[in-house]
Amino acid sequence: MAWVVLVISGFLETAWAIALGRSAGFTRLVPSIVFVVALVLSMIGLAWALREIPIGTGYAVWVGIGAVGTAVVGMVALNEPVSVARVTCLLLVVAGVVGLKFFH
């Protein structure tokens, strides 16, 4: 169950990162609220998962999911540049996250 909560928390990290960018420095209400709610839920989930998962593994997986998710949303929905190099680097991060899960 800790791994499921950790993965969900990683996706919530993506949500708060995107909301932070969309909040325009906290001048837009809805993205600012989404940021705060997603951030709090993400941190609660991370803290809960770390009761069973080692900190180094859990934090790296959480950050990896959030970073890859944010980059993918940026490329797919926010017109950020897509290149073979960027996609390859993201795949390497995914491989690292999967490796941490299997070798923890």
Protein backbone atom coordinates (compact mmCIF):
# COMPACT_ATOMS: atom_id res chain seq x y z
CA MET A 1 0.00 0.00 0.00
CA ALA A 2 2.89 2.37 0.72
CA TRP A 3 4.02 2.15 -2.90
CA VAL A 4 0.55 3.00 -4.20
CA VAL A 5 0.39 6.03 -1.92
CA LEU A 6 3.90 7.06 -3.00
CA VAL A 7 2.98 6.89 -6.70
CA ILE A 8 -0.20 8.89 -6.14
CA SER A 9 1.83 11.44 -4.18
CA GLY A 10 4.25 11.67 -7.11
CA PHE A 11 1.37 12.45 -9.46
CA LEU A 12 0.16 15.06 -7.00
CA GLU A 13 3.63 16.59 -7.16
CA THR A 14 3.12 16.97 -10.90
CA ALA A 15 -0.26 18.62 -10.22
CA TRP A 16 1.16 21.16 -7.77
CA ALA A 17 4.11 21.96 -10.00
CA ILE A 18 1.85 22.67 -12.97
CA ALA A 19 -0.55 24.66 -10.77
CA LEU A 20 2.37 26.68 -9.42
CA GLY A 21 3.35 27.67 -12.94
CA ARG A 22 -0.24 28.49 -13.85
CA SER A 23 -0.76 30.58 -10.69
CA ALA A 24 1.32 33.46 -12.14
CA GLY A 25 3.06 34.14 -8.88
CA PHE A 26 -0.08 33.36 -6.84
CA THR A 27 -2.06 36.09 -8.60
CA ARG A 28 -4.62 33.62 -10.01
CA LEU A 29 -6.95 32.13 -7.40
CA VAL A 30 -7.90 28.71 -8.78
CA PRO A 31 -4.38 27.53 -9.72
CA SER A 32 -3.15 28.86 -6.35
CA ILE A 33 -5.76 26.79 -4.50
CA VAL A 34 -4.95 23.71 -6.59
CA PHE A 35 -1.27 24.25 -5.77
CA VAL A 36 -1.85 24.38 -2.00
CA VAL A 37 -4.23 21.40 -1.90
CA ALA A 38 -2.06 19.21 -4.15
CA LEU A 39 1.10 20.18 -2.26
CA VAL A 40 -0.38 19.33 1.12
CA LEU A 41 -1.84 16.02 -0.09
CA SER A 42 1.41 15.13 -1.85
CA MET A 43 3.46 15.79 1.29
CA ILE A 44 1.05 13.86 3.51
CA GLY A 45 1.20 10.90 1.14
CA LEU A 46 4.99 11.04 0.94
CA ALA A 47 5.28 11.17 4.73
CA TRP A 48 2.89 8.25 5.11
CA ALA A 49 4.71 6.13 2.51
CA LEU A 50 8.08 6.82 4.12
CA ARG A 51 6.95 4.94 7.20
CA GLU A 52 7.56 1.74 5.20
CA ILE A 53 9.86 2.79 2.35
CA PRO A 54 13.44 3.94 2.99
CA ILE A 55 13.82 7.73 2.70
CA GLY A 56 16.40 7.62 -0.10
CA THR A 57 14.29 5.32 -2.24
CA GLY A 58 10.95 6.94 -1.46
CA TYR A 59 12.07 10.50 -1.99
CA ALA A 60 13.88 9.68 -5.23
CA VAL A 61 10.84 7.86 -6.61
CA TRP A 62 8.52 10.70 -5.56
CA VAL A 63 10.72 13.35 -7.16
CA GLY A 64 11.23 11.21 -10.28
CA ILE A 65 7.51 10.74 -10.82
CA GLY A 66 6.88 14.43 -10.25
CA ALA A 67 9.71 15.56 -12.52
CA VAL A 68 8.82 13.23 -15.38
CA GLY A 69 5.12 13.97 -15.04
CA THR A 70 5.71 17.70 -15.06
CA ALA A 71 7.99 17.51 -18.09
CA VAL A 72 5.53 15.31 -20.00
CA VAL A 73 2.60 17.65 -19.24
CA GLY A 74 4.78 20.55 -20.35
CA MET A 75 5.58 18.88 -23.66
CA VAL A 76 2.09 17.49 -24.35
CA ALA A 77 -0.18 20.25 -23.08
CA LEU A 78 1.92 23.40 -22.71
CA ASN A 79 3.79 23.40 -26.03
CA GLU A 80 7.24 22.95 -24.51
CA PRO A 81 9.84 21.63 -26.96
CA VAL A 82 10.03 17.89 -27.58
CA SER A 83 13.31 16.38 -28.69
CA VAL A 84 14.90 12.97 -28.81
CA ALA A 85 17.38 14.09 -26.16
CA ARG A 86 14.65 15.26 -23.75
CA VAL A 87 12.58 12.11 -24.20
CA THR A 88 15.68 9.93 -23.77
CA CYS A 89 16.58 11.72 -20.53
CA LEU A 90 13.04 11.29 -19.22
CA LEU A 91 13.16 7.59 -20.07
CA LEU A 92 16.41 7.33 -18.11
CA VAL A 93 14.70 8.90 -15.09
CA VAL A 94 11.82 6.42 -15.45
CA ALA A 95 14.33 3.56 -15.64
CA GLY A 96 15.96 4.82 -12.45
CA VAL A 97 12.63 5.05 -10.64
CA VAL A 98 11.65 1.54 -11.73
CA GLY A 99 15.09 0.27 -10.70
CA LEU A 100 14.75 1.83 -7.26
CA LYS A 101 11.40 0.12 -6.81
CA PHE A 102 12.72 -3.31 -7.77
CA PHE A 103 16.03 -3.12 -5.93
CA HIS A 104 14.80 -1.46 -2.74
